[in-house]
């Protein structure tokens, strides 16, 4: 999606059925039928004349202000309102967050699950924020936060308290912690037995 956004293309219909994983783990985004093109970069790249009235009418008919296009449950609020002028890459960030909520078994705005890690839920919540300014500004920013989560690092979407930070650090450095504890236990046993 970040590549499409860099070319001025907004998908506008991200949902689980439009995401496929190939045989080698590659992720494919399908069904670009509702995609919105911003600027003229796509027309130039495809050697299509942007002044062609047939091409322009196809683009504008699907993107007129007030047109509600997308899949309920995966549409951003601005998309749901038909506010086409507000749609940008953060609209697709919302769609990705909605897919993430779906995968986590969460409903947007619903109660928090005790099973799903808070940091992961915070990423999904930030992606699906009602206010566009509260969402990740780009798919890459969301991907970076997910990468930090997978690397067991602090994520931008969630402010950890001291106990959570300590638990995450201990978990991340499990081997070192076990070695230090084993060393301290051996030293303690050595001191106790050497006194007898």
Protein backbone atom coordinates (compact mmCIF):
# COMPACT_ATOMS: atom_id res chain seq x y z
CA UNK A 1 0.00 0.00 0.00
CA UNK A 2 2.85 2.37 0.72
CA UNK A 3 4.01 1.94 -2.90
CA UNK A 4 0.51 2.67 -4.24
CA UNK A 5 0.28 5.74 -2.02
CA UNK A 6 3.63 6.98 -3.28
CA UNK A 7 2.08 6.89 -6.76
CA UNK A 8 -1.00 8.84 -5.63
CA UNK A 9 -3.39 5.88 -5.53
CA UNK A 10 -5.79 5.26 -2.63
CA UNK A 11 -7.42 1.79 -2.60
CA UNK A 12 -10.58 2.71 -0.62
CA UNK A 13 -11.81 -0.88 -0.27
CA UNK A 14 -9.31 -2.69 1.95
CA UNK A 15 -10.94 -5.71 3.60
CA UNK A 16 -9.92 -9.31 4.37
CA UNK A 17 -11.35 -10.69 1.12
CA UNK A 18 -9.20 -8.25 -0.89
CA UNK A 19 -5.94 -9.45 0.70
CA UNK A 20 -4.35 -12.68 -0.49
CA UNK A 21 -1.17 -14.41 0.61
CA UNK A 22 0.67 -16.26 -2.15
CA UNK A 23 2.43 -19.60 -2.03
CA UNK A 24 5.75 -17.96 -1.11
CA UNK A 25 4.37 -15.64 1.57
CA UNK A 26 3.94 -12.65 -0.73
CA UNK A 27 0.97 -10.41 0.08
CA UNK A 28 -1.28 -9.37 -2.77
CA UNK A 29 -3.85 -6.57 -2.59
CA UNK A 30 -6.77 -7.32 -4.87
CA UNK A 31 -9.78 -5.46 -6.36
CA UNK A 32 -8.62 -1.96 -7.17
CA UNK A 33 -12.02 -1.09 -8.66
CA UNK A 34 -12.74 1.71 -6.17
CA UNK A 35 -9.22 3.14 -6.20
CA UNK A 36 -8.96 6.91 -6.26
CA UNK A 37 -6.21 8.60 -8.21
CA UNK A 38 -4.92 11.88 -6.85
CA UNK A 39 -3.03 14.11 -9.27
CA UNK A 40 -2.18 13.06 -12.80
CA UNK A 41 0.78 10.73 -12.15
CA UNK A 42 -1.21 7.59 -12.96
CA UNK A 43 -2.49 9.00 -16.24
CA UNK A 44 1.02 9.97 -17.32
CA UNK A 45 2.47 6.63 -16.24
CA UNK A 46 -0.20 4.70 -18.13
CA UNK A 47 0.08 6.91 -21.22
CA UNK A 48 -3.57 7.88 -20.88
CA UNK A 49 -4.60 11.35 -21.90
CA UNK A 50 -6.05 13.04 -18.78
CA UNK A 51 -8.06 15.42 -20.98
CA UNK A 52 -9.93 12.48 -22.52
CA UNK A 53 -13.56 13.05 -21.40
CA UNK A 54 -14.36 9.32 -21.28
CA UNK A 55 -11.43 8.64 -18.90
CA UNK A 56 -12.27 11.69 -16.76
CA UNK A 57 -15.95 10.79 -16.50
CA UNK A 58 -15.11 7.27 -15.26
CA UNK A 59 -12.81 8.73 -12.59
CA UNK A 60 -15.15 11.50 -11.43
CA UNK A 61 -18.36 9.43 -11.43
CA UNK A 62 -16.94 7.10 -8.79
CA UNK A 63 -15.40 9.92 -6.77
CA UNK A 64 -18.11 12.59 -6.70
CA UNK A 65 -18.64 14.29 -3.35
CA UNK A 66 -21.36 12.45 -1.43
CA UNK A 67 -20.72 9.09 -3.10
CA UNK A 68 -20.34 6.39 -0.45
CA UNK A 69 -18.11 3.65 -1.82
CA UNK A 70 -16.51 0.82 0.13
CA UNK A 71 -17.40 -2.06 2.43
CA UNK A 72 -19.32 -1.34 5.65
CA UNK A 73 -17.23 -2.17 8.70
CA UNK A 74 -13.99 -1.43 6.87
CA UNK A 75 -14.68 2.13 5.67
CA UNK A 76 -13.13 5.14 7.36
CA UNK A 77 -15.59 7.72 8.78
CA UNK A 78 -14.80 10.26 6.04
CA UNK A 79 -15.48 7.58 3.44
CA UNK A 80 -18.71 6.56 5.19
CA UNK A 81 -19.88 10.19 5.10
CA UNK A 82 -19.13 10.41 1.37
CA UNK A 83 -16.61 13.19 2.04
CA UNK A 84 -14.46 12.38 -0.99
CA UNK A 85 -12.33 15.52 -0.64
CA UNK A 86 -11.00 14.27 2.71
CA UNK A 87 -9.93 10.83 1.46
CA UNK A 88 -6.17 10.30 1.48
CA UNK A 89 -3.69 7.58 2.52
CA UNK A 90 -5.01 7.72 6.10
CA UNK A 91 -8.28 6.32 4.72
CA UNK A 92 -6.39 3.18 3.71
CA UNK A 93 -4.61 3.18 7.08
CA UNK A 94 -8.09 2.95 8.63
CA UNK A 95 -8.90 -0.01 6.35
CA UNK A 96 -5.71 -1.80 7.40
CA UNK A 97 -6.54 -1.13 11.06
CA UNK A 98 -10.04 -2.53 10.51
CA UNK A 99 -8.51 -5.67 8.96
CA UNK A 100 -6.20 -5.91 11.97
CA UNK A 101 -9.19 -5.62 14.33
CA UNK A 102 -10.93 -8.36 12.32
CA UNK A 103 -7.88 -10.62 12.64
CA UNK A 104 -7.69 -9.94 16.38
CA UNK A 105 -11.40 -10.67 16.83
CA UNK A 106 -12.11 -7.10 17.90
CA UNK A 107 -14.88 -4.72 16.90
CA UNK A 108 -13.93 -1.13 16.18
CA UNK A 109 -14.73 0.87 19.30
CA UNK A 110 -15.65 -2.32 21.20
CA UNK A 111 -14.40 -3.46 24.58
CA UNK A 112 -10.80 -4.55 24.91
CA UNK A 113 -9.97 -8.25 24.87
CA UNK A 114 -7.93 -9.64 27.74
CA UNK A 115 -6.23 -12.10 25.37
CA UNK A 116 -4.84 -9.63 22.82
CA UNK A 117 -1.74 -7.70 23.95
CA UNK A 118 -2.46 -4.06 24.82
CA UNK A 119 0.31 -2.75 22.58
CA UNK A 120 -1.13 -4.59 19.56
CA UNK A 121 -4.64 -3.31 20.31
CA UNK A 122 -3.25 0.21 20.64
CA UNK A 123 -1.80 -0.02 17.12
CA UNK A 124 -5.17 -1.13 15.73
CA UNK A 125 -6.96 1.61 17.68
CA UNK A 126 -4.60 4.31 16.42
CA UNK A 127 -5.06 3.11 12.84
CA UNK A 128 -8.86 3.19 13.20
CA UNK A 129 -9.14 6.51 15.02
CA UNK A 130 -12.26 8.48 14.06
CA UNK A 131 -10.26 11.68 13.60
CA UNK A 132 -7.89 11.43 10.64
CA UNK A 133 -5.25 13.48 12.46
CA UNK A 134 -5.13 10.88 15.27
CA UNK A 135 -4.34 8.01 12.85
CA UNK A 136 -0.95 6.99 11.56
CA UNK A 137 0.01 9.50 8.88
CA UNK A 138 1.07 6.73 6.50
CA UNK A 139 1.06 2.98 6.01
CA UNK A 140 4.83 3.00 6.53
CA UNK A 141 4.43 4.63 9.97
CA UNK A 142 1.93 1.91 10.93
CA UNK A 143 4.23 -0.80 9.56
CA UNK A 144 7.13 0.64 11.59
CA UNK A 145 5.06 0.45 14.78
CA UNK A 146 4.07 -3.15 13.98
CA UNK A 147 7.76 -3.93 13.39
CA UNK A 148 8.62 -2.48 16.80
CA UNK A 149 5.89 -4.64 18.36
CA UNK A 150 7.26 -7.77 16.66
CA UNK A 151 10.79 -6.87 17.85
CA UNK A 152 9.39 -6.47 21.39
CA UNK A 153 10.27 -2.78 21.43
CA UNK A 154 8.08 0.08 22.69
CA UNK A 155 5.42 1.16 20.18
CA UNK A 156 4.39 4.75 19.53
CA UNK A 157 0.68 3.94 19.85
CA UNK A 158 0.91 2.79 23.48
CA UNK A 159 2.47 4.42 26.52
CA UNK A 160 3.76 1.69 28.83
CA UNK A 161 3.82 2.08 32.57
CA UNK A 162 7.00 1.18 34.50
CA UNK A 163 5.82 -2.34 35.33
CA UNK A 164 4.93 -3.12 31.69
CA UNK A 165 8.25 -1.71 30.47
CA UNK A 166 10.16 -3.83 33.01
CA UNK A 167 8.21 -6.99 32.10
CA UNK A 168 8.81 -6.40 28.37
CA UNK A 169 12.53 -5.78 28.93
CA UNK A 170 12.87 -8.92 31.07
CA UNK A 171 10.97 -10.96 28.49
CA UNK A 172 13.10 -9.59 25.67
CA UNK A 173 16.32 -10.42 27.52
CA UNK A 174 15.13 -13.75 28.92
CA UNK A 175 18.38 -15.63 28.28
CA UNK A 176 20.53 -12.98 29.95
CA UNK A 177 18.15 -12.80 32.93
CA UNK A 178 18.22 -16.60 33.37
CA UNK A 179 22.04 -16.64 33.18
CA UNK A 180 22.37 -13.85 35.74
CA UNK A 181 19.88 -15.51 38.09
CA UNK A 182 21.67 -18.87 37.72
CA UNK A 183 25.00 -17.15 38.47
CA UNK A 184 23.59 -15.41 41.55
CA UNK A 185 22.02 -18.65 42.78
CA UNK A 186 25.34 -20.50 42.34
CA UNK A 187 27.20 -17.73 44.21
CA UNK A 188 24.67 -17.84 47.03
CA UNK A 189 24.92 -21.62 47.28
CA UNK A 190 28.73 -21.39 47.20
CA UNK A 191 28.72 -18.84 50.04
CA UNK A 192 26.28 -20.90 52.11
CA UNK A 193 28.19 -24.17 51.69
CA UNK A 194 31.62 -22.63 52.14
CA UNK A 195 30.67 -21.47 55.66
CA UNK A 196 29.97 -25.03 56.84
